[in-house]
Amino acid sequence: MKTNSGLRSQTTRKCILILGGSRSGKSTYAESLAERHEGPHIYIATAEAKDPEMAARINEHRKRRGPFWNTLESPLNLISSIKQNSTSKNIILVDCLTIWISNLMMANYSVIDESENLAKLMSQIEGTIIFVSNEVGQGIVPDNPLARTFRDYSGNLNQLIAKVADEVYLVTAGIPINIKKNK
């Protein structure tokens, strides 16, 4: 699209990655970033309420977000959900990538292919997307192959998204630290 000055205008696109450990405050911080933007707010949830404790957690998240969020449940088809809802006006918050990886593993999807496809999608979307993910590489080496595979997939996906992200934050004890910001 040409502007009056003859320069090409750029698609409005912004990708933000929020990393942190369990209960670090990363989801709350991601929500606060999203709420600074005007436009429709879309929350793509990857968790499923498979037990009463998880159902209670999901309910608490919904209450905290308030009524102006449109929540979509997408435990496996995250890429399709993003494609269908990506517009220049929408803010999409995905919470969380590590649960998505767990879901993919349990459903025998190719986590490597899905991760690469998600990272590639970031150059095609419009609007703002905020990803929440657990930083799993700062703990001990897991004692079993499944847990090590999960850690490896999570670390690889975090690196792929961080590479294409405009901003990356690490949240510790509720305090966000900006670790990447494109100019």
C-alpha atoms as a PDB file:
ATOM      1  CA  MET A   1       0.000   0.000   0.000  1.00  0.00           C
ATOM      2  CA  LYS A   2       1.410   3.400  -0.993  1.00  0.00           C
ATOM      3  CA  THR A   3       1.088   6.472   1.128  1.00  0.00           C
ATOM      4  CA  ASN A   4       1.038  10.053  -0.158  1.00  0.00           C
ATOM      5  CA  SER A   5       4.785  10.322   0.394  1.00  0.00           C
ATOM      6  CA  GLY A   6       5.385   7.359  -1.920  1.00  0.00           C
ATOM      7  CA  LEU A   7       6.704   5.203   0.928  1.00  0.00           C
ATOM      8  CA  ARG A   8       5.192   1.859   1.711  1.00  0.00           C
ATOM      9  CA  SER A   9       3.252   1.710   4.926  1.00  0.00           C
ATOM     10  CA  GLN A  10       3.968  -1.246   7.134  1.00  0.00           C
ATOM     11  CA  THR A  11       1.459  -3.716   8.478  1.00  0.00           C
ATOM     12  CA  THR A  12       0.774  -3.072  12.129  1.00  0.00           C
ATOM     13  CA  ARG A  13       2.371  -6.062  13.810  1.00  0.00           C
ATOM     14  CA  LYS A  14       3.875  -6.535  17.217  1.00  0.00           C
ATOM     15  CA  CYS A  15       4.928  -9.751  18.917  1.00  0.00           C
ATOM     16  CA  ILE A  16       5.717  -9.811  22.635  1.00  0.00           C
ATOM     17  CA  LEU A  17       6.987 -12.793  24.642  1.00  0.00           C
ATOM     18  CA  ILE A  18       6.564 -12.908  28.424  1.00  0.00           C
ATOM     19  CA  LEU A  19       8.699 -15.541  30.165  1.00  0.00           C
ATOM     20  CA  GLY A  20       8.821 -16.513  33.819  1.00  0.00           C
ATOM     21  CA  GLY A  21       8.716 -19.357  36.257  1.00  0.00           C
ATOM     22  CA  SER A  22       5.583 -20.798  37.815  1.00  0.00           C
ATOM     23  CA  ARG A  23       3.622 -18.211  39.800  1.00  0.00           C
ATOM     24  CA  SER A  24       6.061 -15.470  38.740  1.00  0.00           C
ATOM     25  CA  GLY A  25       3.316 -13.010  37.742  1.00  0.00           C
ATOM     26  CA  LYS A  26       3.861 -13.430  33.999  1.00  0.00           C
ATOM     27  CA  SER A  27       0.160 -13.829  33.122  1.00  0.00           C
ATOM     28  CA  THR A  28      -0.862 -10.805  35.165  1.00  0.00           C
ATOM     29  CA  TYR A  29       1.869  -8.742  33.517  1.00  0.00           C
ATOM     30  CA  ALA A  30       0.848  -9.932  30.041  1.00  0.00           C
ATOM     31  CA  GLU A  31      -2.762  -8.971  30.749  1.00  0.00           C
ATOM     32  CA  SER A  32      -1.695  -5.512  31.945  1.00  0.00           C
ATOM     33  CA  LEU A  33       0.282  -4.973  28.717  1.00  0.00           C
ATOM     34  CA  ALA A  34      -2.674  -6.067  26.596  1.00  0.00           C
ATOM     35  CA  GLU A  35      -5.105  -3.822  28.462  1.00  0.00           C
ATOM     36  CA  ARG A  36      -3.040  -0.753  27.504  1.00  0.00           C
ATOM     37  CA  HIS A  37      -4.128  -1.298  23.893  1.00  0.00           C
ATOM     38  CA  GLU A  38      -7.449  -0.287  22.425  1.00  0.00           C
ATOM     39  CA  GLY A  39      -9.448  -2.679  20.340  1.00  0.00           C
ATOM     40  CA  PRO A  40     -10.882  -6.119  20.871  1.00  0.00           C
ATOM     41  CA  HIS A  41      -8.997  -8.258  23.391  1.00  0.00           C
ATOM     42  CA  ILE A  42      -8.798 -11.952  22.559  1.00  0.00           C
ATOM     43  CA  TYR A  43      -7.482 -14.428  25.091  1.00  0.00           C
ATOM     44  CA  ILE A  44      -6.438 -17.763  23.611  1.00  0.00           C
ATOM     45  CA  ALA A  45      -6.294 -20.314  26.408  1.00  0.00           C
ATOM     46  CA  THR A  46      -4.334 -23.508  25.900  1.00  0.00           C
ATOM     47  CA  ALA A  47      -5.236 -25.131  29.228  1.00  0.00           C
ATOM     48  CA  GLU A  48      -8.129 -27.514  29.668  1.00  0.00           C
ATOM     49  CA  ALA A  49     -10.170 -28.003  32.838  1.00  0.00           C
ATOM     50  CA  LYS A  50      -9.516 -31.722  33.226  1.00  0.00           C
ATOM     51  CA  ASP A  51      -9.809 -31.695  37.015  1.00  0.00           C
ATOM     52  CA  PRO A  52     -11.463 -29.505  39.687  1.00  0.00           C
ATOM     53  CA  GLU A  53      -8.215 -27.785  40.691  1.00  0.00           C
ATOM     54  CA  MET A  54      -7.454 -26.715  37.100  1.00  0.00           C
ATOM     55  CA  ALA A  55     -11.063 -25.638  36.613  1.00  0.00           C
ATOM     56  CA  ALA A  56     -10.703 -23.370  39.668  1.00  0.00           C
ATOM     57  CA  ARG A  57      -7.472 -21.872  38.261  1.00  0.00           C
ATOM     58  CA  ILE A  58      -9.119 -21.189  34.919  1.00  0.00           C
ATOM     59  CA  ASN A  59     -12.097 -19.585  36.666  1.00  0.00           C
ATOM     60  CA  GLU A  60      -9.771 -17.298  38.670  1.00  0.00           C
ATOM     61  CA  HIS A  61      -8.010 -16.203  35.471  1.00  0.00           C
ATOM     62  CA  ARG A  62     -11.368 -15.403  33.834  1.00  0.00           C
ATOM     63  CA  LYS A  63     -12.526 -13.358  36.828  1.00  0.00           C
ATOM     64  CA  ARG A  64      -9.273 -11.409  36.911  1.00  0.00           C
ATOM     65  CA  ARG A  65      -9.466 -10.563  33.199  1.00  0.00           C
ATOM     66  CA  GLY A  66     -12.967  -9.175  33.337  1.00  0.00           C
ATOM     67  CA  PRO A  67     -15.820  -9.177  30.830  1.00  0.00           C
ATOM     68  CA  PHE A  68     -14.224  -7.288  27.934  1.00  0.00           C
ATOM     69  CA  TRP A  69     -11.995 -10.241  26.981  1.00  0.00           C
ATOM     70  CA  ASN A  70     -13.187 -12.719  24.371  1.00  0.00           C
ATOM     71  CA  THR A  71     -11.833 -16.102  25.474  1.00  0.00           C
ATOM     72  CA  LEU A  72     -11.119 -18.867  22.984  1.00  0.00           C
ATOM     73  CA  GLU A  73     -10.095 -22.329  24.116  1.00  0.00           C
ATOM     74  CA  SER A  74      -7.453 -23.755  21.828  1.00  0.00           C
ATOM     75  CA  PRO A  75      -5.499 -26.577  23.474  1.00  0.00           C
ATOM     76  CA  LEU A  76      -4.142 -27.936  20.168  1.00  0.00           C
ATOM     77  CA  ASN A  77      -5.096 -25.692  17.244  1.00  0.00           C
ATOM     78  CA  LEU A  78      -3.304 -22.561  18.395  1.00  0.00           C
ATOM     79  CA  ILE A  79      -2.005 -21.638  14.944  1.00  0.00           C
ATOM     80  CA  SER A  80      -5.498 -21.766  13.409  1.00  0.00           C
ATOM     81  CA  SER A  81      -6.922 -19.700  16.267  1.00  0.00           C
ATOM     82  CA  ILE A  82      -4.282 -17.020  15.757  1.00  0.00           C
ATOM     83  CA  LYS A  83      -4.811 -16.963  11.975  1.00  0.00           C
ATOM     84  CA  GLN A  84      -8.593 -16.630  12.386  1.00  0.00           C
ATOM     85  CA  ASN A  85      -8.351 -13.777  14.903  1.00  0.00           C
ATOM     86  CA  SER A  86      -5.353 -11.782  13.741  1.00  0.00           C
ATOM     87  CA  THR A  87      -6.406  -8.317  12.590  1.00  0.00           C
ATOM     88  CA  SER A  88      -4.753  -4.931  12.834  1.00  0.00           C
ATOM     89  CA  LYS A  89      -7.211  -3.955  15.581  1.00  0.00           C
ATOM     90  CA  ASN A  90      -7.118  -7.082  17.769  1.00  0.00           C
ATOM     91  CA  ILE A  91      -4.893  -7.769  20.726  1.00  0.00           C
ATOM     92  CA  ILE A  92      -4.290 -11.498  21.128  1.00  0.00           C
ATOM     93  CA  LEU A  93      -2.909 -12.927  24.353  1.00  0.00           C
ATOM     94  CA  VAL A  94      -1.866 -16.595  24.275  1.00  0.00           C
ATOM     95  CA  ASP A  95      -1.541 -18.220  27.691  1.00  0.00           C
ATOM     96  CA  CYS A  96       0.477 -20.395  27.664  1.00  0.00           C
ATOM     97  CA  LEU A  97       2.943 -21.923  25.228  1.00  0.00           C
ATOM     98  CA  THR A  98       4.281 -24.539  27.631  1.00  0.00           C
ATOM     99  CA  ILE A  99       0.822 -25.982  28.231  1.00  0.00           C
ATOM    100  CA  TRP A 100       0.325 -25.999  24.466  1.00  0.00           C
ATOM    101  CA  ILE A 101       3.537 -28.031  24.100  1.00  0.00           C
ATOM    102  CA  SER A 102       2.332 -30.493  26.726  1.00  0.00           C
ATOM    103  CA  ASN A 103      -0.983 -30.835  24.871  1.00  0.00           C
ATOM    104  CA  LEU A 104       0.830 -31.420  21.560  1.00  0.00           C
ATOM    105  CA  MET A 105       3.059 -34.061  23.127  1.00  0.00           C
ATOM    106  CA  MET A 106       0.122 -35.921  24.666  1.00  0.00           C
ATOM    107  CA  ALA A 107      -1.738 -35.876  21.319  1.00  0.00           C
ATOM    108  CA  ASN A 108       1.355 -37.109  19.431  1.00  0.00           C
ATOM    109  CA  TYR A 109       1.684 -33.993  17.265  1.00  0.00           C
ATOM    110  CA  SER A 110       5.076 -33.005  15.889  1.00  0.00           C
ATOM    111  CA  VAL A 111       6.083 -30.370  18.416  1.00  0.00           C
ATOM    112  CA  ILE A 112       9.052 -29.324  16.285  1.00  0.00           C
ATOM    113  CA  ASP A 113       6.881 -28.728  13.208  1.00  0.00           C
ATOM    114  CA  GLU A 114       4.167 -26.920  15.172  1.00  0.00           C
ATOM    115  CA  SER A 115       6.771 -24.725  16.912  1.00  0.00           C
ATOM    116  CA  GLU A 116       8.426 -23.780  13.628  1.00  0.00           C
ATOM    117  CA  ASN A 117       5.051 -23.071  12.027  1.00  0.00           C
ATOM    118  CA  LEU A 118       4.054 -20.818  14.925  1.00  0.00           C
ATOM    119  CA  ALA A 119       7.290 -18.827  14.660  1.00  0.00           C
ATOM    120  CA  LYS A 120       6.851 -18.471  10.870  1.00  0.00           C
ATOM    121  CA  LEU A 121       3.282 -17.273  11.371  1.00  0.00           C
ATOM    122  CA  MET A 122       4.529 -14.232  13.302  1.00  0.00           C
ATOM    123  CA  SER A 123       5.719 -12.566  10.081  1.00  0.00           C
ATOM    124  CA  GLN A 124       2.233 -12.987   8.577  1.00  0.00           C
ATOM    125  CA  ILE A 125      -0.050 -11.708  11.319  1.00  0.00           C
ATOM    126  CA  GLU A 126      -1.491  -8.270  11.855  1.00  0.00           C
ATOM    127  CA  GLY A 127      -2.091  -6.634  15.193  1.00  0.00           C
ATOM    128  CA  THR A 128      -0.451  -7.343  18.507  1.00  0.00           C
ATOM    129  CA  ILE A 129       0.131 -10.790  19.936  1.00  0.00           C
ATOM    130  CA  ILE A 130       1.440 -11.497  23.411  1.00  0.00           C
ATOM    131  CA  PHE A 131       2.698 -14.957  24.296  1.00  0.00           C
ATOM    132  CA  VAL A 132       3.097 -16.232  27.853  1.00  0.00           C
ATOM    133  CA  SER A 133       5.513 -19.106  28.430  1.00  0.00           C
ATOM    134  CA  ASN A 134       7.334 -20.742  31.287  1.00  0.00           C
ATOM    135  CA  GLU A 135      11.095 -20.395  31.479  1.00  0.00           C
ATOM    136  CA  VAL A 136      11.971 -24.021  32.150  1.00  0.00           C
ATOM    137  CA  GLY A 137      15.735 -23.954  31.623  1.00  0.00           C
ATOM    138  CA  GLN A 138      16.775 -22.542  34.983  1.00  0.00           C
ATOM    139  CA  GLY A 139      15.950 -25.597  37.084  1.00  0.00           C
ATOM    140  CA  ILE A 140      17.591 -28.938  37.528  1.00  0.00           C
ATOM    141  CA  VAL A 141      17.930 -31.461  34.722  1.00  0.00           C
ATOM    142  CA  PRO A 142      14.828 -33.670  34.881  1.00  0.00           C
ATOM    143  CA  ASP A 143      15.388 -37.291  35.874  1.00  0.00           C
ATOM    144  CA  ASN A 144      13.309 -38.882  33.094  1.00  0.00           C
ATOM    145  CA  PRO A 145      13.241 -38.783  29.286  1.00  0.00           C
ATOM    146  CA  LEU A 146       9.696 -37.409  28.962  1.00  0.00           C
ATOM    147  CA  ALA A 147      10.431 -34.453  31.245  1.00  0.00           C
ATOM    148  CA  ARG A 148      13.743 -33.766  29.473  1.00  0.00           C
ATOM    149  CA  THR A 149      11.990 -33.851  26.100  1.00  0.00           C
ATOM    150  CA  PHE A 150       9.346 -31.415  27.373  1.00  0.00           C
ATOM    151  CA  ARG A 151      12.066 -29.098  28.692  1.00  0.00           C
ATOM    152  CA  ASP A 152      13.903 -29.248  25.363  1.00  0.00           C
ATOM    153  CA  TYR A 153      10.759 -28.531  23.324  1.00  0.00           C
ATOM    154  CA  SER A 154       9.846 -25.641  25.628  1.00  0.00           C
ATOM    155  CA  GLY A 155      13.310 -24.117  25.471  1.00  0.00           C
ATOM    156  CA  ASN A 156      13.427 -24.437  21.697  1.00  0.00           C
ATOM    157  CA  LEU A 157       9.998 -22.827  21.227  1.00  0.00           C
ATOM    158  CA  ASN A 158      10.883 -19.994  23.608  1.00  0.00           C
ATOM    159  CA  GLN A 159      14.022 -19.337  21.545  1.00  0.00           C
ATOM    160  CA  LEU A 160      12.100 -19.385  18.243  1.00  0.00           C
ATOM    161  CA  ILE A 161       9.480 -16.935  19.503  1.00  0.00           C
ATOM    162  CA  ALA A 162      12.076 -14.716  21.213  1.00  0.00           C
ATOM    163  CA  LYS A 163      13.962 -14.459  17.932  1.00  0.00           C
ATOM    164  CA  VAL A 164      10.922 -13.128  16.027  1.00  0.00           C
ATOM    165  CA  ALA A 165       9.495 -11.104  18.943  1.00  0.00           C
ATOM    166  CA  ASP A 166       9.728  -7.338  19.068  1.00  0.00           C
ATOM    167  CA  GLU A 167       9.888  -7.392  22.860  1.00  0.00           C
ATOM    168  CA  VAL A 168      10.767 -10.075  25.412  1.00  0.00           C
ATOM    169  CA  TYR A 169      10.250  -9.773  29.161  1.00  0.00           C
ATOM    170  CA  LEU A 170      11.359 -12.022  31.997  1.00  0.00           C
ATOM    171  CA  VAL A 171       9.066 -11.799  35.020  1.00  0.00           C
ATOM    172  CA  THR A 172      10.441 -12.728  38.428  1.00  0.00           C
ATOM    173  CA  ALA A 173       8.499 -12.208  41.681  1.00  0.00           C
ATOM    174  CA  GLY A 174       6.018 -10.042  39.782  1.00  0.00           C
ATOM    175  CA  ILE A 175       8.741  -7.744  38.440  1.00  0.00           C
ATOM    176  CA  PRO A 176       9.114  -7.583  34.645  1.00  0.00           C
ATOM    177  CA  ILE A 177      12.583  -7.166  33.209  1.00  0.00           C
ATOM    178  CA  ASN A 178      12.830  -6.157  29.559  1.00  0.00           C
ATOM    179  CA  ILE A 179      15.436  -8.419  27.927  1.00  0.00           C
ATOM    180  CA  LYS A 180      14.756  -7.515  24.274  1.00  0.00           C
ATOM    181  CA  LYS A 181      13.271  -4.492  22.590  1.00  0.00           C
ATOM    182  CA  ASN A 182      13.481  -3.839  18.849  1.00  0.00           C
ATOM    183  CA  LYS A 183      13.758  -0.200  17.900  1.00  0.00           C
END
